[in-house]
Amino acid sequence: MTQQMMNQQSKLDQLFENMERVMVGKRDAIELTLVALFAGGHVLLEDVPGVGKTMLVRALAKSLDLDFKRVQFTPDLLPSDVTGVSVYNQKNMEFEFRPGPIMGNIVLADEINRTSPKTQSALLESMEESHITVDGMTMALSRPFFVMATQNPIEYEGTYPLPEAQLDRFLLKLHMGYPAKQEEMVMLDRTSAGHPIDTLTSVMSKEELMERQRQVKEIHVSDSIKRYIVEIVSNTRKHSLIQLGASPRASIALMKAAQAYAYIQGRDYLLPDDVKYLAPHVLSHRLLLNSEAKFQGESAPSVLEDVIKKTVVPVERG
């Protein structure tokens, strides 16, 4: 490992340590969130209330000294509540644009499935195109730009599930789960005299983050790894229990996520294990199972596990 990579790894260790002051026992969730951020993607976080979804995003924003915005999605939320709106100023007799929360660096879209498809689209199109258009005027979003959308997996009454085409815009889909008993004890100790999020300080600047996003793109991907990614994605389109397999966008997403993961591990090249580890997080929400799979009680992750198991792992030859 070169001196530069050692310095980078030291900075990443500081970032993990900082966020773990708030997120006890959630190393995997922190790591995967950073994978998405470094790869320039976005995250859909599906979990029950109270497990720390909001805290994860707030800790990330504070650790990186980024502008944090939160949108609580409700059935009556309008697209302009997300993107912003032009308001007439009587003093200068001109319309002035008042930016919405989408103009932040890190945006928490809380309970995204509780708002109408029209408002969902306003957010998701901004994520894809990196700009918004209001009253015919196009404005670029802030850089870096990262969205974490959350949804509750158990309450479906009065919700608007995201269609497959919209889900495809999220690089990763994550679950956090409940903490272990000992971890929950640590949480009680740390919050007894105040919440640690209030004393969190930044350990990486915006400029440093953007430089890391650039460096991630330079992580070497061999042809054999590229073929492995394409084979996995292609096999999702042939599986007997999958009605709609992953798209070419999924192949690109899996490669980018694997590059970011390798970077976080301190490597400048990809391993097949990087792809295998990230495939469930990148591909599961992009698959549509058929009626036979549902009858058998299969889930997207379990079917995907079968796909990965049957895909030949490449062997690098020295």
C-alpha atoms as a PDB file:
ATOM      1  CA  MET A   1       0.000   0.000   0.000  1.00  0.00           C
ATOM      2  CA  THR A   2       1.435   3.386  -1.008  1.00  0.00           C
ATOM      3  CA  GLN A   3       1.821   6.290   1.420  1.00  0.00           C
ATOM      4  CA  GLN A   4      -1.013   8.131  -0.313  1.00  0.00           C
ATOM      5  CA  MET A   5      -3.355   5.165   0.102  1.00  0.00           C
ATOM      6  CA  MET A   6      -2.326   4.835   3.769  1.00  0.00           C
ATOM      7  CA  ASN A   7      -3.211   8.504   4.342  1.00  0.00           C
ATOM      8  CA  GLN A   8      -6.534   8.012   2.596  1.00  0.00           C
ATOM      9  CA  GLN A   9      -7.269   4.942   4.703  1.00  0.00           C
ATOM     10  CA  SER A  10      -6.425   6.842   7.887  1.00  0.00           C
ATOM     11  CA  LYS A  11      -8.922   9.541   6.938  1.00  0.00           C
ATOM     12  CA  LEU A  12     -11.578   6.923   6.180  1.00  0.00           C
ATOM     13  CA  ASP A  13     -10.947   5.281   9.563  1.00  0.00           C
ATOM     14  CA  GLN A  14     -11.549   8.669  11.217  1.00  0.00           C
ATOM     15  CA  LEU A  15     -14.801   8.998   9.279  1.00  0.00           C
ATOM     16  CA  PHE A  16     -15.998   5.565  10.395  1.00  0.00           C
ATOM     17  CA  GLU A  17     -15.000   6.240  13.996  1.00  0.00           C
ATOM     18  CA  ASN A  18     -16.818   9.571  13.970  1.00  0.00           C
ATOM     19  CA  MET A  19     -20.063   8.115  12.635  1.00  0.00           C
ATOM     20  CA  GLU A  20     -19.902   5.113  14.957  1.00  0.00           C
ATOM     21  CA  ARG A  21     -20.111   7.486  17.911  1.00  0.00           C
ATOM     22  CA  VAL A  22     -23.742   7.915  16.850  1.00  0.00           C
ATOM     23  CA  MET A  23     -24.462   4.665  14.979  1.00  0.00           C
ATOM     24  CA  VAL A  24     -23.553   1.920  17.458  1.00  0.00           C
ATOM     25  CA  GLY A  25     -23.034  -1.496  15.858  1.00  0.00           C
ATOM     26  CA  LYS A  26     -23.964  -0.312  12.364  1.00  0.00           C
ATOM     27  CA  ARG A  27     -20.573  -0.578  10.663  1.00  0.00           C
ATOM     28  CA  ASP A  28     -22.030  -2.370   7.627  1.00  0.00           C
ATOM     29  CA  ALA A  29     -24.756   0.246   7.127  1.00  0.00           C
ATOM     30  CA  ILE A  30     -22.193   3.066   7.418  1.00  0.00           C
ATOM     31  CA  GLU A  31     -19.852   1.330   4.979  1.00  0.00           C
ATOM     32  CA  LEU A  32     -22.559   0.727   2.371  1.00  0.00           C
ATOM     33  CA  THR A  33     -23.799   4.302   2.706  1.00  0.00           C
ATOM     34  CA  LEU A  34     -20.263   5.535   2.015  1.00  0.00           C
ATOM     35  CA  VAL A  35     -20.056   3.141  -0.945  1.00  0.00           C
ATOM     36  CA  ALA A  36     -23.101   4.831  -2.470  1.00  0.00           C
ATOM     37  CA  LEU A  37     -21.840   8.322  -1.670  1.00  0.00           C
ATOM     38  CA  PHE A  38     -18.337   7.729  -3.056  1.00  0.00           C
ATOM     39  CA  ALA A  39     -19.812   6.116  -6.177  1.00  0.00           C
ATOM     40  CA  GLY A  40     -22.057   9.143  -6.749  1.00  0.00           C
ATOM     41  CA  GLY A  41     -25.251   7.153  -6.198  1.00  0.00           C
ATOM     42  CA  HIS A  42     -28.244   7.248  -3.855  1.00  0.00           C
ATOM     43  CA  VAL A  43     -29.690   4.914  -1.209  1.00  0.00           C
ATOM     44  CA  LEU A  44     -33.136   3.517  -0.472  1.00  0.00           C
ATOM     45  CA  LEU A  45     -33.254   2.524   3.204  1.00  0.00           C
ATOM     46  CA  GLU A  46     -36.155   0.253   4.136  1.00  0.00           C
ATOM     47  CA  ASP A  47     -36.632  -0.450   7.821  1.00  0.00           C
ATOM     48  CA  VAL A  48     -38.960  -0.064  10.782  1.00  0.00           C
ATOM     49  CA  PRO A  49     -39.170   3.246  12.694  1.00  0.00           C
ATOM     50  CA  GLY A  50     -36.660   4.023  15.431  1.00  0.00           C
ATOM     51  CA  VAL A  51     -33.599   2.084  14.254  1.00  0.00           C
ATOM     52  CA  GLY A  52     -31.596   5.206  13.389  1.00  0.00           C
ATOM     53  CA  LYS A  53     -32.297   5.956   9.732  1.00  0.00           C
ATOM     54  CA  THR A  54     -32.393   9.722  10.278  1.00  0.00           C
ATOM     55  CA  MET A  55     -29.396   9.627  12.619  1.00  0.00           C
ATOM     56  CA  LEU A  56     -27.341   7.828   9.967  1.00  0.00           C
ATOM     57  CA  VAL A  57     -27.880  10.608   7.440  1.00  0.00           C
ATOM     58  CA  ARG A  58     -27.378  13.393   9.970  1.00  0.00           C
ATOM     59  CA  ALA A  59     -24.146  11.819  11.220  1.00  0.00           C
ATOM     60  CA  LEU A  60     -22.927  11.548   7.632  1.00  0.00           C
ATOM     61  CA  ALA A  61     -23.716  15.204   6.891  1.00  0.00           C
ATOM     62  CA  LYS A  62     -22.009  16.422  10.077  1.00  0.00           C
ATOM     63  CA  SER A  63     -18.942  14.239   9.562  1.00  0.00           C
ATOM     64  CA  LEU A  64     -18.477  15.683   6.065  1.00  0.00           C
ATOM     65  CA  ASP A  65     -19.526  19.274   6.851  1.00  0.00           C
ATOM     66  CA  LEU A  66     -22.244  19.159   4.200  1.00  0.00           C
ATOM     67  CA  ASP A  67     -25.550  20.990   3.929  1.00  0.00           C
ATOM     68  CA  PHE A  68     -28.271  18.651   5.250  1.00  0.00           C
ATOM     69  CA  LYS A  69     -31.932  18.900   4.234  1.00  0.00           C
ATOM     70  CA  ARG A  70     -34.860  16.730   5.309  1.00  0.00           C
ATOM     71  CA  VAL A  71     -38.213  16.292   3.585  1.00  0.00           C
ATOM     72  CA  GLN A  72     -41.058  14.538   5.398  1.00  0.00           C
ATOM     73  CA  PHE A  73     -43.118  13.054   2.593  1.00  0.00           C
ATOM     74  CA  THR A  74     -46.877  13.216   3.105  1.00  0.00           C
ATOM     75  CA  PRO A  75     -49.862  12.635   0.783  1.00  0.00           C
ATOM     76  CA  ASP A  76     -50.421  16.394   0.310  1.00  0.00           C
ATOM     77  CA  LEU A  77     -46.785  17.257  -0.507  1.00  0.00           C
ATOM     78  CA  LEU A  78     -46.396  18.997  -3.881  1.00  0.00           C
ATOM     79  CA  PRO A  79     -43.464  18.748  -6.321  1.00  0.00           C
ATOM     80  CA  SER A  80     -42.702  22.438  -5.682  1.00  0.00           C
ATOM     81  CA  ASP A  81     -42.296  21.625  -1.968  1.00  0.00           C
ATOM     82  CA  VAL A  82     -39.311  19.523  -3.009  1.00  0.00           C
ATOM     83  CA  THR A  83     -37.779  21.480  -5.884  1.00  0.00           C
ATOM     84  CA  GLY A  84     -38.642  25.051  -4.842  1.00  0.00           C
ATOM     85  CA  VAL A  85     -40.972  27.689  -6.189  1.00  0.00           C
ATOM     86  CA  SER A  86     -40.849  31.122  -7.853  1.00  0.00           C
ATOM     87  CA  VAL A  87     -42.448  33.858  -5.731  1.00  0.00           C
ATOM     88  CA  TYR A  88     -43.373  37.356  -6.956  1.00  0.00           C
ATOM     89  CA  ASN A  89     -41.465  40.120  -5.149  1.00  0.00           C
ATOM     90  CA  GLN A  90     -43.566  43.268  -5.106  1.00  0.00           C
ATOM     91  CA  LYS A  91     -40.602  45.489  -4.245  1.00  0.00           C
ATOM     92  CA  ASN A  92     -38.596  44.841  -7.387  1.00  0.00           C
ATOM     93  CA  MET A  93     -41.607  43.567  -9.363  1.00  0.00           C
ATOM     94  CA  GLU A  94     -39.825  40.350 -10.324  1.00  0.00           C
ATOM     95  CA  PHE A  95     -40.195  36.648  -9.601  1.00  0.00           C
ATOM     96  CA  GLU A  96     -37.623  35.224  -7.205  1.00  0.00           C
ATOM     97  CA  PHE A  97     -36.784  31.568  -6.895  1.00  0.00           C
ATOM     98  CA  ARG A  98     -36.933  30.125  -3.407  1.00  0.00           C
ATOM     99  CA  PRO A  99     -35.022  26.831  -3.439  1.00  0.00           C
ATOM    100  CA  GLY A 100     -36.530  23.693  -1.968  1.00  0.00           C
ATOM    101  CA  PRO A 101     -34.728  21.070   0.126  1.00  0.00           C
ATOM    102  CA  ILE A 102     -33.517  19.295  -3.024  1.00  0.00           C
ATOM    103  CA  MET A 103     -30.822  21.989  -3.273  1.00  0.00           C
ATOM    104  CA  GLY A 104     -28.935  20.581  -0.266  1.00  0.00           C
ATOM    105  CA  ASN A 105     -25.832  18.374  -0.411  1.00  0.00           C
ATOM    106  CA  ILE A 106     -27.374  15.531   1.569  1.00  0.00           C
ATOM    107  CA  VAL A 107     -31.133  15.118   1.371  1.00  0.00           C
ATOM    108  CA  LEU A 108     -33.185  12.795   3.566  1.00  0.00           C
ATOM    109  CA  ALA A 109     -36.430  11.871   1.805  1.00  0.00           C
ATOM    110  CA  ASP A 110     -38.332  10.439   4.753  1.00  0.00           C
ATOM    111  CA  GLU A 111     -41.116   7.918   4.012  1.00  0.00           C
ATOM    112  CA  ILE A 112     -40.958   8.487   0.268  1.00  0.00           C
ATOM    113  CA  ASN A 113     -43.754   5.990  -0.363  1.00  0.00           C
ATOM    114  CA  ARG A 114     -46.269   8.170   1.520  1.00  0.00           C
ATOM    115  CA  THR A 115     -46.441  10.868  -1.144  1.00  0.00           C
ATOM    116  CA  SER A 116     -48.033  10.895  -4.582  1.00  0.00           C
ATOM    117  CA  PRO A 117     -46.255   9.493  -7.668  1.00  0.00           C
ATOM    118  CA  LYS A 118     -46.055  13.031  -9.082  1.00  0.00           C
ATOM    119  CA  THR A 119     -44.043  14.277  -6.107  1.00  0.00           C
ATOM    120  CA  GLN A 120     -41.946  11.102  -6.044  1.00  0.00           C
ATOM    121  CA  SER A 121     -41.060  11.733  -9.684  1.00  0.00           C
ATOM    122  CA  ALA A 122     -39.958  15.296  -8.932  1.00  0.00           C
ATOM    123  CA  LEU A 123     -37.368  13.943  -6.504  1.00  0.00           C
ATOM    124  CA  LEU A 124     -36.277  10.946  -8.538  1.00  0.00           C
ATOM    125  CA  GLU A 125     -35.869  12.858 -11.788  1.00  0.00           C
ATOM    126  CA  SER A 126     -33.661  15.356  -9.969  1.00  0.00           C
ATOM    127  CA  MET A 127     -31.551  12.466  -8.679  1.00  0.00           C
ATOM    128  CA  GLU A 128     -31.096  11.108 -12.195  1.00  0.00           C
ATOM    129  CA  GLU A 129     -30.489  14.377 -14.047  1.00  0.00           C
ATOM    130  CA  SER A 130     -28.628  16.361 -11.324  1.00  0.00           C
ATOM    131  CA  HIS A 131     -30.684  19.468 -12.043  1.00  0.00           C
ATOM    132  CA  ILE A 132     -34.192  20.843 -11.601  1.00  0.00           C
ATOM    133  CA  THR A 133     -36.424  22.840 -13.920  1.00  0.00           C
ATOM    134  CA  VAL A 134     -38.798  25.397 -12.411  1.00  0.00           C
ATOM    135  CA  ASP A 135     -40.897  27.719 -14.596  1.00  0.00           C
ATOM    136  CA  GLY A 136     -38.768  26.856 -17.600  1.00  0.00           C
ATOM    137  CA  MET A 137     -35.520  27.686 -15.786  1.00  0.00           C
ATOM    138  CA  THR A 138     -32.979  24.885 -15.317  1.00  0.00           C
ATOM    139  CA  MET A 139     -30.708  24.928 -12.272  1.00  0.00           C
ATOM    140  CA  ALA A 140     -27.906  22.530 -11.405  1.00  0.00           C
ATOM    141  CA  LEU A 141     -28.046  20.807  -8.035  1.00  0.00           C
ATOM    142  CA  SER A 142     -25.372  21.266  -5.398  1.00  0.00           C
ATOM    143  CA  ARG A 143     -22.230  19.140  -5.549  1.00  0.00           C
ATOM    144  CA  PRO A 144     -21.814  16.681  -3.984  1.00  0.00           C
ATOM    145  CA  PHE A 145     -25.451  15.556  -4.060  1.00  0.00           C
ATOM    146  CA  PHE A 146     -26.673  12.502  -2.158  1.00  0.00           C
ATOM    147  CA  VAL A 147     -30.217  11.328  -1.437  1.00  0.00           C
ATOM    148  CA  MET A 148     -31.210   8.766   1.141  1.00  0.00           C
ATOM    149  CA  ALA A 149     -34.881   7.844   0.868  1.00  0.00           C
ATOM    150  CA  THR A 150     -36.574   5.824   3.597  1.00  0.00           C
ATOM    151  CA  GLN A 151     -39.694   3.736   3.671  1.00  0.00           C
ATOM    152  CA  ASN A 152     -41.451   1.612   6.293  1.00  0.00           C
ATOM    153  CA  PRO A 153     -41.718  -2.056   5.225  1.00  0.00           C
ATOM    154  CA  ILE A 154     -44.753  -2.890   7.398  1.00  0.00           C
ATOM    155  CA  GLU A 155     -47.250  -0.047   6.908  1.00  0.00           C
ATOM    156  CA  TYR A 156     -48.691  -0.104   3.394  1.00  0.00           C
ATOM    157  CA  GLU A 157     -52.094   1.522   3.959  1.00  0.00           C
ATOM    158  CA  GLY A 158     -52.233   4.914   2.245  1.00  0.00           C
ATOM    159  CA  THR A 159     -48.860   4.494   0.556  1.00  0.00           C
ATOM    160  CA  TYR A 160     -47.702   4.702  -3.058  1.00  0.00           C
ATOM    161  CA  PRO A 161     -45.136   1.957  -3.740  1.00  0.00           C
ATOM    162  CA  LEU A 162     -42.270   3.029  -5.970  1.00  0.00           C
ATOM    163  CA  PRO A 163     -42.538   1.464  -9.447  1.00  0.00           C
ATOM    164  CA  GLU A 164     -39.647  -0.611 -10.802  1.00  0.00           C
ATOM    165  CA  ALA A 165     -38.430   2.191 -13.076  1.00  0.00           C
ATOM    166  CA  GLN A 166     -38.136   4.525 -10.073  1.00  0.00           C
ATOM    167  CA  LEU A 167     -36.463   1.929  -7.842  1.00  0.00           C
ATOM    168  CA  ASP A 168     -33.829   1.486 -10.535  1.00  0.00           C
ATOM    169  CA  ARG A 169     -32.560   5.007  -9.808  1.00  0.00           C
ATOM    170  CA  PHE A 170     -31.252   3.985  -6.380  1.00  0.00           C
ATOM    171  CA  LEU A 171     -27.742   2.559  -6.398  1.00  0.00           C
ATOM    172  CA  LEU A 172     -28.294   0.522  -3.224  1.00  0.00           C
ATOM    173  CA  LYS A 173     -31.162  -0.692  -1.094  1.00  0.00           C
ATOM    174  CA  LEU A 174     -30.265  -1.197   2.574  1.00  0.00           C
ATOM    175  CA  HIS A 175     -31.769  -2.606   5.769  1.00  0.00           C
ATOM    176  CA  MET A 176     -30.392  -1.734   9.212  1.00  0.00           C
ATOM    177  CA  GLY A 177     -32.223  -4.027  11.615  1.00  0.00           C
ATOM    178  CA  TYR A 178     -32.405  -3.899  15.388  1.00  0.00           C
ATOM    179  CA  PRO A 179     -29.218  -3.575  17.457  1.00  0.00           C
ATOM    180  CA  ALA A 180     -27.918  -6.376  19.655  1.00  0.00           C
ATOM    181  CA  LYS A 181     -28.706  -6.099  23.383  1.00  0.00           C
ATOM    182  CA  GLN A 182     -25.171  -5.014  24.284  1.00  0.00           C
ATOM    183  CA  GLU A 183     -25.198  -2.393  21.510  1.00  0.00           C
ATOM    184  CA  GLU A 184     -28.513  -1.065  22.783  1.00  0.00           C
ATOM    185  CA  MET A 185     -26.988  -0.799  26.286  1.00  0.00           C
ATOM    186  CA  VAL A 186     -24.150   1.298  24.831  1.00  0.00           C
ATOM    187  CA  MET A 187     -26.732   3.518  23.133  1.00  0.00           C
ATOM    188  CA  LEU A 188     -28.473   4.130  26.470  1.00  0.00           C
ATOM    189  CA  ASP A 189     -25.165   5.069  28.101  1.00  0.00           C
ATOM    190  CA  ARG A 190     -24.209   7.480  25.301  1.00  0.00           C
ATOM    191  CA  THR A 191     -27.573   9.265  25.231  1.00  0.00           C
ATOM    192  CA  SER A 192     -28.139   9.523  28.990  1.00  0.00           C
ATOM    193  CA  ALA A 193     -26.684  13.048  29.199  1.00  0.00           C
ATOM    194  CA  GLY A 194     -27.475  14.202  25.640  1.00  0.00           C
ATOM    195  CA  HIS A 195     -27.249  12.856  22.132  1.00  0.00           C
ATOM    196  CA  PRO A 196     -23.761  12.372  20.615  1.00  0.00           C
ATOM    197  CA  ILE A 197     -24.996  13.817  17.301  1.00  0.00           C
ATOM    198  CA  ASP A 198     -24.950  17.254  18.959  1.00  0.00           C
ATOM    199  CA  THR A 199     -21.190  17.126  19.574  1.00  0.00           C
ATOM    200  CA  LEU A 200     -20.184  15.536  16.268  1.00  0.00           C
ATOM    201  CA  THR A 201     -17.605  17.485  14.257  1.00  0.00           C
ATOM    202  CA  SER A 202     -16.517  17.174  10.631  1.00  0.00           C
ATOM    203  CA  VAL A 203     -13.506  15.016   9.760  1.00  0.00           C
ATOM    204  CA  MET A 204     -13.542  15.433   5.976  1.00  0.00           C
ATOM    205  CA  SER A 205     -14.214  18.509   3.865  1.00  0.00           C
ATOM    206  CA  LYS A 206     -16.500  18.776   0.861  1.00  0.00           C
ATOM    207  CA  GLU A 207     -13.480  19.165  -1.403  1.00  0.00           C
ATOM    208  CA  GLU A 208     -11.856  16.015   0.019  1.00  0.00           C
ATOM    209  CA  LEU A 209     -15.057  14.061  -0.545  1.00  0.00           C
ATOM    210  CA  MET A 210     -15.293  15.166  -4.170  1.00  0.00           C
ATOM    211  CA  GLU A 211     -11.655  14.194  -4.697  1.00  0.00           C
ATOM    212  CA  ARG A 212     -12.428  10.726  -3.351  1.00  0.00           C
ATOM    213  CA  GLN A 213     -15.386  10.447  -5.700  1.00  0.00           C
ATOM    214  CA  ARG A 214     -12.994  11.212  -8.543  1.00  0.00           C
ATOM    215  CA  GLN A 215     -10.443   8.658  -7.311  1.00  0.00           C
ATOM    216  CA  VAL A 216     -13.095   5.929  -7.102  1.00  0.00           C
ATOM    217  CA  LYS A 217     -13.621   6.208 -10.862  1.00  0.00           C
ATOM    218  CA  GLU A 218      -9.945   5.327 -11.366  1.00  0.00           C
ATOM    219  CA  ILE A 219     -10.163   1.974  -9.552  1.00  0.00           C
ATOM    220  CA  HIS A 220      -9.061  -0.672 -12.065  1.00  0.00           C
ATOM    221  CA  VAL A 221     -11.704  -3.130 -13.305  1.00  0.00           C
ATOM    222  CA  SER A 222     -10.276  -6.043 -15.285  1.00  0.00           C
ATOM    223  CA  ASP A 223     -12.109  -7.517 -18.265  1.00  0.00           C
ATOM    224  CA  SER A 224     -12.724 -10.744 -16.333  1.00  0.00           C
ATOM    225  CA  ILE A 225     -14.481  -8.797 -13.548  1.00  0.00           C
ATOM    226  CA  LYS A 226     -16.527  -6.889 -16.111  1.00  0.00           C
ATOM    227  CA  ARG A 227     -17.586 -10.194 -17.690  1.00  0.00           C
ATOM    228  CA  TYR A 228     -18.478 -11.515 -14.228  1.00  0.00           C
ATOM    229  CA  ILE A 229     -20.715  -8.505 -13.576  1.00  0.00           C
ATOM    230  CA  VAL A 230     -22.401  -8.866 -16.968  1.00  0.00           C
ATOM    231  CA  GLU A 231     -22.906 -12.611 -16.429  1.00  0.00           C
ATOM    232  CA  ILE A 232     -24.618 -12.083 -13.060  1.00  0.00           C
ATOM    233  CA  VAL A 233     -26.915  -9.391 -14.447  1.00  0.00           C
ATOM    234  CA  SER A 234     -27.605 -11.391 -17.615  1.00  0.00           C
ATOM    235  CA  ASN A 235     -28.498 -14.480 -15.565  1.00  0.00           C
ATOM    236  CA  THR A 236     -31.175 -12.531 -13.686  1.00  0.00           C
ATOM    237  CA  ARG A 237     -32.963 -12.193 -17.033  1.00  0.00           C
ATOM    238  CA  LYS A 238     -32.961 -15.966 -17.586  1.00  0.00           C
ATOM    239  CA  HIS A 239     -33.903 -17.250 -14.132  1.00  0.00           C
ATOM    240  CA  SER A 240     -37.150 -19.209 -13.994  1.00  0.00           C
ATOM    241  CA  LEU A 241     -38.455 -17.292 -10.952  1.00  0.00           C
ATOM    242  CA  ILE A 242     -37.704 -13.790 -12.249  1.00  0.00           C
ATOM    243  CA  GLN A 243     -40.257 -12.028 -14.436  1.00  0.00           C
ATOM    244  CA  LEU A 244     -38.185  -8.900 -15.028  1.00  0.00           C
ATOM    245  CA  GLY A 245     -34.406  -9.089 -14.714  1.00  0.00           C
ATOM    246  CA  ALA A 246     -31.888  -6.334 -14.057  1.00  0.00           C
ATOM    247  CA  SER A 247     -31.212  -3.751 -16.770  1.00  0.00           C
ATOM    248  CA  PRO A 248     -27.865  -2.609 -18.234  1.00  0.00           C
ATOM    249  CA  ARG A 249     -28.085   0.288 -15.777  1.00  0.00           C
ATOM    250  CA  ALA A 250     -27.769  -2.339 -13.051  1.00  0.00           C
ATOM    251  CA  SER A 251     -24.491  -3.599 -14.552  1.00  0.00           C
ATOM    252  CA  ILE A 252     -23.069  -0.080 -14.451  1.00  0.00           C
ATOM    253  CA  ALA A 253     -24.358   0.427 -10.910  1.00  0.00           C
ATOM    254  CA  LEU A 254     -22.789  -2.825  -9.708  1.00  0.00           C
ATOM    255  CA  MET A 255     -19.421  -1.914 -11.211  1.00  0.00           C
ATOM    256  CA  LYS A 256     -19.455   1.596  -9.697  1.00  0.00           C
ATOM    257  CA  ALA A 257     -20.491   0.303  -6.279  1.00  0.00           C
ATOM    258  CA  ALA A 258     -17.760  -2.365  -6.385  1.00  0.00           C
ATOM    259  CA  GLN A 259     -15.165   0.286  -7.295  1.00  0.00           C
ATOM    260  CA  ALA A 260     -16.206   2.381  -4.283  1.00  0.00           C
ATOM    261  CA  TYR A 261     -16.127  -0.662  -2.010  1.00  0.00           C
ATOM    262  CA  ALA A 262     -12.623  -1.616  -3.193  1.00  0.00           C
ATOM    263  CA  TYR A 263     -11.505   1.978  -2.588  1.00  0.00           C
ATOM    264  CA  ILE A 264     -12.837   1.908   0.977  1.00  0.00           C
ATOM    265  CA  GLN A 265     -10.979  -1.373   1.536  1.00  0.00           C
ATOM    266  CA  GLY A 266      -7.742   0.352   0.472  1.00  0.00           C
ATOM    267  CA  ARG A 267      -7.356  -1.352  -2.910  1.00  0.00           C
ATOM    268  CA  ASP A 268      -6.992   0.112  -6.392  1.00  0.00           C
ATOM    269  CA  TYR A 269      -8.466  -2.938  -8.116  1.00  0.00           C
ATOM    270  CA  LEU A 270     -11.606  -5.104  -7.908  1.00  0.00           C
ATOM    271  CA  LEU A 271     -11.963  -8.661  -6.662  1.00  0.00           C
ATOM    272  CA  PRO A 272     -14.815 -11.067  -7.490  1.00  0.00           C
ATOM    273  CA  ASP A 273     -15.726 -11.007  -3.781  1.00  0.00           C
ATOM    274  CA  ASP A 274     -16.433  -7.269  -4.050  1.00  0.00           C
ATOM    275  CA  VAL A 275     -19.011  -7.980  -6.732  1.00  0.00           C
ATOM    276  CA  LYS A 276     -20.532 -10.933  -4.837  1.00  0.00           C
ATOM    277  CA  TYR A 277     -20.870  -8.888  -1.641  1.00  0.00           C
ATOM    278  CA  LEU A 278     -22.505  -5.890  -3.295  1.00  0.00           C
ATOM    279  CA  ALA A 279     -24.737  -7.713  -5.798  1.00  0.00           C
ATOM    280  CA  PRO A 280     -27.640  -8.287  -3.336  1.00  0.00           C
ATOM    281  CA  HIS A 281     -27.640  -4.621  -2.288  1.00  0.00           C
ATOM    282  CA  VAL A 282     -27.423  -3.330  -5.874  1.00  0.00           C
ATOM    283  CA  LEU A 283     -29.676  -5.800  -7.700  1.00  0.00           C
ATOM    284  CA  SER A 284     -32.401  -7.055  -5.332  1.00  0.00           C
ATOM    285  CA  HIS A 285     -34.648  -4.001  -5.666  1.00  0.00           C
ATOM    286  CA  ARG A 286     -34.288  -4.062  -9.460  1.00  0.00           C
ATOM    287  CA  LEU A 287     -35.829  -7.535  -9.879  1.00  0.00           C
ATOM    288  CA  LEU A 288     -39.486  -8.417 -10.347  1.00  0.00           C
ATOM    289  CA  LEU A 289     -40.342 -11.968  -9.306  1.00  0.00           C
ATOM    290  CA  ASN A 290     -43.049 -13.992 -11.040  1.00  0.00           C
ATOM    291  CA  SER A 291     -46.110 -15.582  -9.446  1.00  0.00           C
ATOM    292  CA  GLU A 292     -44.358 -18.953  -9.042  1.00  0.00           C
ATOM    293  CA  ALA A 293     -41.648 -17.362  -6.895  1.00  0.00           C
ATOM    294  CA  LYS A 294     -44.244 -15.667  -4.711  1.00  0.00           C
ATOM    295  CA  PHE A 295     -46.163 -18.958  -4.385  1.00  0.00           C
ATOM    296  CA  GLN A 296     -42.958 -20.658  -3.224  1.00  0.00           C
ATOM    297  CA  GLY A 297     -42.325 -17.885  -0.699  1.00  0.00           C
ATOM    298  CA  GLU A 298     -39.121 -16.749  -2.383  1.00  0.00           C
ATOM    299  CA  SER A 299     -37.755 -13.218  -2.069  1.00  0.00           C
ATOM    300  CA  ALA A 300     -35.573 -11.205  -4.437  1.00  0.00           C
ATOM    301  CA  PRO A 301     -32.461 -11.662  -2.228  1.00  0.00           C
ATOM    302  CA  SER A 302     -32.934 -15.441  -2.036  1.00  0.00           C
ATOM    303  CA  VAL A 303     -33.424 -15.773  -5.800  1.00  0.00           C
ATOM    304  CA  LEU A 304     -30.437 -13.523  -6.409  1.00  0.00           C
ATOM    305  CA  GLU A 305     -28.357 -15.710  -4.089  1.00  0.00           C
ATOM    306  CA  ASP A 306     -29.183 -18.630  -6.370  1.00  0.00           C
ATOM    307  CA  VAL A 307     -28.183 -16.581  -9.440  1.00  0.00           C
ATOM    308  CA  ILE A 308     -24.810 -15.674  -7.907  1.00  0.00           C
ATOM    309  CA  LYS A 309     -24.192 -19.276  -6.813  1.00  0.00           C
ATOM    310  CA  LYS A 310     -24.716 -20.533 -10.373  1.00  0.00           C
ATOM    311  CA  THR A 311     -22.538 -17.849 -12.005  1.00  0.00           C
ATOM    312  CA  VAL A 312     -18.951 -18.946 -12.586  1.00  0.00           C
ATOM    313  CA  VAL A 313     -16.476 -16.878 -10.563  1.00  0.00           C
ATOM    314  CA  PRO A 314     -13.518 -15.654 -12.649  1.00  0.00           C
ATOM    315  CA  VAL A 315      -9.993 -16.734 -11.723  1.00  0.00           C
ATOM    316  CA  GLU A 316      -7.279 -14.182 -12.320  1.00  0.00           C
ATOM    317  CA  ARG A 317      -4.219 -15.710 -13.958  1.00  0.00           C
ATOM    318  CA  GLY A 318      -0.830 -14.313 -13.059  1.00  0.00           C
END
